[in-house]
Amino acid sequence: MLGAHSSLLRKALDYYAKEAQYALAEIQKLYKVEAHIRQHSLDAEDTVHYRLKHSEPIIAAFFSWIYEQRQRPGLLPKDPLSKALAYAYERHHEFKDLPNACASEHRY
């Protein structure tokens, strides 16, 4: 799922480099959380706690930023950034459920 968001945002780099770079940096933070979980071989319960503490604030801030970006008056629906933001925003429930939903998988 994270890879799909990254792919769409890379396409937006040509038009909205600053915004796309910010979004990619936030997604990279989530990958780092997952790397820590793997490196420390956390069990399911510790994985959930770690994700709640470290991933949840990143996800909340990311979707607040997405909402703000989508309110920009000059952002047209066919713009690559607009498409990437819409794609991510439509899946915000999936993202917000990740810390608990994937505990048995130990990864996003």
N, C-alpha and C. Protein backbone atom coordinates (compact mmCIF):
# COMPACT_ATOMS: atom_id res chain seq x y z
N MET A 1 0.81 -1.18 0.00
CA MET A 1 0.00 0.00 0.00
C MET A 1 0.87 1.26 0.00
N LEU A 2 1.88 1.29 0.81
CA LEU A 2 2.75 2.46 0.84
C LEU A 2 3.42 2.67 -0.50
N GLY A 3 3.78 1.60 -1.17
CA GLY A 3 4.44 1.71 -2.46
C GLY A 3 3.55 2.37 -3.51
N ALA A 4 2.27 2.09 -3.48
CA ALA A 4 1.34 2.71 -4.43
C ALA A 4 1.28 4.21 -4.22
N HIS A 5 1.25 4.64 -2.96
CA HIS A 5 1.25 6.08 -2.67
C HIS A 5 2.55 6.71 -3.16
N SER A 6 3.65 6.06 -2.93
CA SER A 6 4.94 6.59 -3.35
C SER A 6 5.00 6.73 -4.87
N SER A 7 4.50 5.74 -5.58
CA SER A 7 4.52 5.78 -7.03
C SER A 7 3.73 6.96 -7.58
N LEU A 8 2.53 7.17 -7.07
CA LEU A 8 1.72 8.30 -7.52
C LEU A 8 2.38 9.63 -7.19
N LEU A 9 2.98 9.71 -6.03
CA LEU A 9 3.60 10.97 -5.64
C LEU A 9 4.84 11.27 -6.46
N ARG A 10 5.56 10.23 -6.88
CA ARG A 10 6.72 10.46 -7.74
C ARG A 10 6.30 11.09 -9.07
N LYS A 11 5.15 10.69 -9.58
CA LYS A 11 4.65 11.27 -10.83
C LYS A 11 4.34 12.75 -10.64
N ALA A 12 3.95 13.13 -9.45
CA ALA A 12 3.61 14.53 -9.17
C ALA A 12 4.85 15.40 -8.98
N LEU A 13 6.02 14.79 -8.83
CA LEU A 13 7.24 15.55 -8.59
C LEU A 13 7.52 16.60 -9.66
N ASP A 14 7.21 16.29 -10.90
CA ASP A 14 7.48 17.23 -11.99
C ASP A 14 6.71 18.53 -11.83
N TYR A 15 5.54 18.48 -11.23
CA TYR A 15 4.68 19.64 -11.14
C TYR A 15 4.68 20.29 -9.75
N TYR A 16 4.76 19.49 -8.74
CA TYR A 16 4.66 19.97 -7.36
C TYR A 16 5.76 19.34 -6.52
N ALA A 17 6.98 19.69 -6.82
CA ALA A 17 8.14 19.05 -6.19
C ALA A 17 8.12 19.19 -4.68
N LYS A 18 7.87 20.37 -4.17
CA LYS A 18 7.90 20.61 -2.73
C LYS A 18 6.87 19.74 -2.00
N GLU A 19 5.66 19.71 -2.52
CA GLU A 19 4.59 18.94 -1.89
C GLU A 19 4.85 17.44 -1.97
N ALA A 20 5.29 16.99 -3.13
CA ALA A 20 5.56 15.57 -3.30
C ALA A 20 6.72 15.12 -2.43
N GLN A 21 7.74 15.94 -2.33
CA GLN A 21 8.88 15.60 -1.47
C GLN A 21 8.45 15.48 -0.01
N TYR A 22 7.59 16.38 0.43
CA TYR A 22 7.08 16.30 1.81
C TYR A 22 6.34 14.98 2.02
N ALA A 23 5.43 14.65 1.09
CA ALA A 23 4.65 13.42 1.23
C ALA A 23 5.55 12.18 1.22
N LEU A 24 6.52 12.17 0.33
CA LEU A 24 7.45 11.03 0.28
C LEU A 24 8.26 10.91 1.57
N ALA A 25 8.63 12.05 2.15
CA ALA A 25 9.37 12.03 3.41
C ALA A 25 8.52 11.44 4.53
N GLU A 26 7.23 11.77 4.54
CA GLU A 26 6.33 11.23 5.57
C GLU A 26 6.17 9.72 5.39
N ILE A 27 6.02 9.29 4.15
CA ILE A 27 5.91 7.85 3.88
C ILE A 27 7.20 7.14 4.28
N GLN A 28 8.33 7.77 4.02
CA GLN A 28 9.62 7.19 4.41
C GLN A 28 9.70 6.99 5.93
N LYS A 29 9.11 7.91 6.68
CA LYS A 29 9.08 7.75 8.14
C LYS A 29 8.35 6.47 8.54
N LEU A 30 7.28 6.15 7.82
CA LEU A 30 6.55 4.91 8.13
C LEU A 30 7.38 3.69 7.79
N TYR A 31 8.13 3.74 6.71
CA TYR A 31 9.04 2.64 6.38
C TYR A 31 10.09 2.46 7.48
N LYS A 32 10.56 3.55 8.05
CA LYS A 32 11.56 3.47 9.12
C LYS A 32 10.97 2.82 10.37
N VAL A 33 9.71 3.11 10.66
CA VAL A 33 9.04 2.46 11.79
C VAL A 33 9.01 0.95 11.56
N GLU A 34 8.66 0.56 10.34
CA GLU A 34 8.61 -0.87 10.02
C GLU A 34 9.99 -1.51 10.06
N ALA A 35 10.99 -0.80 9.63
CA ALA A 35 12.35 -1.32 9.69
C ALA A 35 12.77 -1.57 11.13
N HIS A 36 12.42 -0.66 12.02
CA HIS A 36 12.73 -0.82 13.44
C HIS A 36 12.05 -2.08 13.99
N ILE A 37 10.79 -2.27 13.62
CA ILE A 37 10.04 -3.45 14.10
C ILE A 37 10.73 -4.73 13.63
N ARG A 38 11.13 -4.77 12.37
CA ARG A 38 11.81 -5.96 11.84
C ARG A 38 13.18 -6.16 12.50
N GLN A 39 13.95 -5.08 12.62
CA GLN A 39 15.30 -5.19 13.18
C GLN A 39 15.28 -5.68 14.62
N HIS A 40 14.24 -5.32 15.35
CA HIS A 40 14.15 -5.71 16.76
C HIS A 40 13.26 -6.92 16.99
N SER A 41 12.77 -7.51 15.90
CA SER A 41 11.92 -8.71 15.96
C SER A 41 10.84 -8.59 17.02
N LEU A 42 10.10 -7.49 16.97
CA LEU A 42 9.05 -7.28 17.96
C LEU A 42 7.92 -8.28 17.78
N ASP A 43 7.37 -8.75 18.90
CA ASP A 43 6.22 -9.66 18.80
C ASP A 43 4.98 -8.85 18.45
N ALA A 44 3.85 -9.53 18.25
CA ALA A 44 2.64 -8.86 17.76
C ALA A 44 2.18 -7.74 18.70
N GLU A 45 2.19 -8.00 19.98
CA GLU A 45 1.73 -6.98 20.94
C GLU A 45 2.66 -5.77 20.95
N ASP A 46 3.96 -6.02 20.97
CA ASP A 46 4.92 -4.91 20.95
C ASP A 46 4.86 -4.15 19.63
N THR A 47 4.58 -4.87 18.54
CA THR A 47 4.44 -4.23 17.23
C THR A 47 3.29 -3.24 17.25
N VAL A 48 2.15 -3.67 17.78
CA VAL A 48 0.98 -2.78 17.86
C VAL A 48 1.31 -1.55 18.70
N HIS A 49 1.92 -1.75 19.86
CA HIS A 49 2.26 -0.61 20.73
C HIS A 49 3.25 0.33 20.05
N TYR A 50 4.24 -0.23 19.39
CA TYR A 50 5.24 0.60 18.72
C TYR A 50 4.60 1.39 17.58
N ARG A 51 3.76 0.73 16.81
CA ARG A 51 3.08 1.43 15.72
C ARG A 51 2.16 2.51 16.23
N LEU A 52 1.43 2.23 17.30
CA LEU A 52 0.54 3.24 17.86
C LEU A 52 1.32 4.46 18.32
N LYS A 53 2.46 4.22 18.91
CA LYS A 53 3.27 5.33 19.42
C LYS A 53 3.97 6.09 18.30
N HIS A 54 4.47 5.38 17.29
CA HIS A 54 5.32 6.01 16.29
C HIS A 54 4.63 6.24 14.93
N SER A 55 3.80 5.33 14.49
CA SER A 55 3.16 5.48 13.18
C SER A 55 1.92 6.35 13.24
N GLU A 56 1.13 6.17 14.28
CA GLU A 56 -0.14 6.89 14.34
C GLU A 56 0.02 8.41 14.25
N PRO A 57 0.98 9.02 14.95
CA PRO A 57 1.13 10.48 14.81
C PRO A 57 1.56 10.89 13.39
N ILE A 58 2.37 10.07 12.74
CA ILE A 58 2.80 10.36 11.37
C ILE A 58 1.59 10.31 10.44
N ILE A 59 0.79 9.27 10.60
CA ILE A 59 -0.40 9.09 9.76
C ILE A 59 -1.39 10.24 9.97
N ALA A 60 -1.62 10.62 11.22
CA ALA A 60 -2.55 11.72 11.51
C ALA A 60 -2.08 13.02 10.88
N ALA A 61 -0.81 13.33 11.03
CA ALA A 61 -0.26 14.56 10.45
C ALA A 61 -0.30 14.52 8.93
N PHE A 62 0.00 13.37 8.36
CA PHE A 62 0.01 13.21 6.92
C PHE A 62 -1.38 13.46 6.33
N PHE A 63 -2.42 12.89 6.96
CA PHE A 63 -3.76 13.08 6.42
C PHE A 63 -4.31 14.46 6.70
N SER A 64 -3.86 15.11 7.73
CA SER A 64 -4.22 16.53 7.93
C SER A 64 -3.61 17.36 6.82
N TRP A 65 -2.37 17.08 6.50
CA TRP A 65 -1.69 17.79 5.41
C TRP A 65 -2.40 17.52 4.07
N ILE A 66 -2.77 16.26 3.82
CA ILE A 66 -3.48 15.93 2.59
C ILE A 66 -4.78 16.72 2.50
N TYR A 67 -5.52 16.76 3.58
CA TYR A 67 -6.78 17.52 3.58
C TYR A 67 -6.52 18.99 3.24
N GLU A 68 -5.52 19.58 3.88
CA GLU A 68 -5.18 20.98 3.61
C GLU A 68 -4.80 21.19 2.15
N GLN A 69 -4.01 20.29 1.60
CA GLN A 69 -3.57 20.41 0.22
C GLN A 69 -4.76 20.33 -0.74
N ARG A 70 -5.71 19.46 -0.43
CA ARG A 70 -6.86 19.29 -1.31
C ARG A 70 -7.78 20.50 -1.31
N GLN A 71 -7.63 21.39 -0.32
CA GLN A 71 -8.45 22.59 -0.24
C GLN A 71 -7.87 23.75 -1.05
N ARG A 72 -6.68 23.58 -1.57
CA ARG A 72 -6.03 24.66 -2.32
C ARG A 72 -6.88 25.03 -3.54
N PRO A 73 -7.19 26.30 -3.70
CA PRO A 73 -8.05 26.71 -4.80
C PRO A 73 -7.45 26.47 -6.19
N GLY A 74 -6.15 26.53 -6.34
CA GLY A 74 -5.54 26.37 -7.66
C GLY A 74 -5.26 24.93 -8.06
N LEU A 75 -5.55 23.98 -7.21
CA LEU A 75 -5.26 22.58 -7.50
C LEU A 75 -6.41 21.97 -8.30
N LEU A 76 -6.15 21.71 -9.55
CA LEU A 76 -7.18 21.17 -10.45
C LEU A 76 -7.30 19.65 -10.32
N PRO A 77 -8.49 19.11 -10.53
CA PRO A 77 -8.69 17.66 -10.37
C PRO A 77 -7.79 16.79 -11.25
N LYS A 78 -7.38 17.28 -12.41
CA LYS A 78 -6.55 16.46 -13.31
C LYS A 78 -5.06 16.59 -13.04
N ASP A 79 -4.67 17.48 -12.14
CA ASP A 79 -3.25 17.60 -11.79
C ASP A 79 -2.76 16.30 -11.17
N PRO A 80 -1.52 15.90 -11.47
CA PRO A 80 -0.98 14.67 -10.87
C PRO A 80 -1.00 14.70 -9.35
N LEU A 81 -0.71 15.84 -8.75
CA LEU A 81 -0.74 15.93 -7.29
C LEU A 81 -2.16 15.74 -6.77
N SER A 82 -3.12 16.34 -7.44
CA SER A 82 -4.51 16.20 -7.04
C SER A 82 -4.94 14.73 -7.07
N LYS A 83 -4.53 14.03 -8.11
CA LYS A 83 -4.86 12.60 -8.23
C LYS A 83 -4.21 11.79 -7.11
N ALA A 84 -2.95 12.09 -6.82
CA ALA A 84 -2.24 11.38 -5.75
C ALA A 84 -2.88 11.66 -4.40
N LEU A 85 -3.23 12.91 -4.16
CA LEU A 85 -3.87 13.27 -2.89
C LEU A 85 -5.23 12.61 -2.75
N ALA A 86 -6.00 12.60 -3.83
CA ALA A 86 -7.32 11.96 -3.79
C ALA A 86 -7.19 10.46 -3.53
N TYR A 87 -6.23 9.83 -4.20
CA TYR A 87 -6.00 8.39 -4.02
C TYR A 87 -5.67 8.09 -2.56
N ALA A 88 -4.78 8.86 -1.99
CA ALA A 88 -4.39 8.64 -0.60
C ALA A 88 -5.55 8.93 0.35
N TYR A 89 -6.23 10.03 0.12
CA TYR A 89 -7.31 10.43 1.02
C TYR A 89 -8.45 9.42 1.02
N GLU A 90 -8.75 8.86 -0.14
CA GLU A 90 -9.81 7.85 -0.24
C GLU A 90 -9.48 6.59 0.55
N ARG A 91 -8.22 6.40 0.88
CA ARG A 91 -7.79 5.21 1.61
C ARG A 91 -7.35 5.52 3.04
N HIS A 92 -7.78 6.67 3.55
CA HIS A 92 -7.32 7.06 4.88
C HIS A 92 -7.75 6.09 5.97
N HIS A 93 -8.90 5.45 5.80
CA HIS A 93 -9.33 4.48 6.82
C HIS A 93 -8.40 3.27 6.84
N GLU A 94 -7.95 2.83 5.68
CA GLU A 94 -7.01 1.72 5.62
C GLU A 94 -5.72 2.08 6.34
N PHE A 95 -5.23 3.28 6.09
CA PHE A 95 -4.00 3.74 6.73
C PHE A 95 -4.18 3.83 8.24
N LYS A 96 -5.29 4.41 8.68
CA LYS A 96 -5.50 4.63 10.11
C LYS A 96 -5.70 3.33 10.87
N ASP A 97 -6.13 2.27 10.19
CA ASP A 97 -6.32 0.97 10.83
C ASP A 97 -5.05 0.13 10.85
N LEU A 98 -4.03 0.56 10.13
CA LEU A 98 -2.82 -0.26 9.99
C LEU A 98 -2.14 -0.62 11.31
N PRO A 99 -2.00 0.28 12.27
CA PRO A 99 -1.27 -0.12 13.48
C PRO A 99 -1.85 -1.34 14.17
N ASN A 100 -3.17 -1.50 14.17
CA ASN A 100 -3.79 -2.65 14.81
C ASN A 100 -4.04 -3.80 13.85
N ALA A 101 -4.39 -3.50 12.63
CA ALA A 101 -4.83 -4.54 11.68
C ALA A 101 -3.71 -5.46 11.25
N CYS A 102 -2.49 -5.00 11.24
CA CYS A 102 -1.40 -5.79 10.68
C CYS A 102 -0.46 -6.36 11.74
N ALA A 103 -0.88 -6.41 12.95
CA ALA A 103 0.02 -6.88 14.01
C ALA A 103 0.53 -8.29 13.74
N SER A 104 -0.32 -9.15 13.19
CA SER A 104 0.13 -10.52 12.95
C SER A 104 1.13 -10.59 11.78
N GLU A 105 1.10 -9.57 10.90
CA GLU A 105 2.02 -9.58 9.77
C GLU A 105 3.35 -8.92 10.11
N HIS A 106 3.38 -8.08 11.14
CA HIS A 106 4.59 -7.34 11.54
C HIS A 106 5.11 -6.42 10.46
N ARG A 107 4.25 -5.99 9.55
CA ARG A 107 4.66 -5.03 8.53
C ARG A 107 3.42 -4.40 7.92
N TYR A 108 3.63 -3.30 7.21
CA TYR A 108 2.55 -2.64 6.48
C TYR A 108 2.47 -3.25 5.11
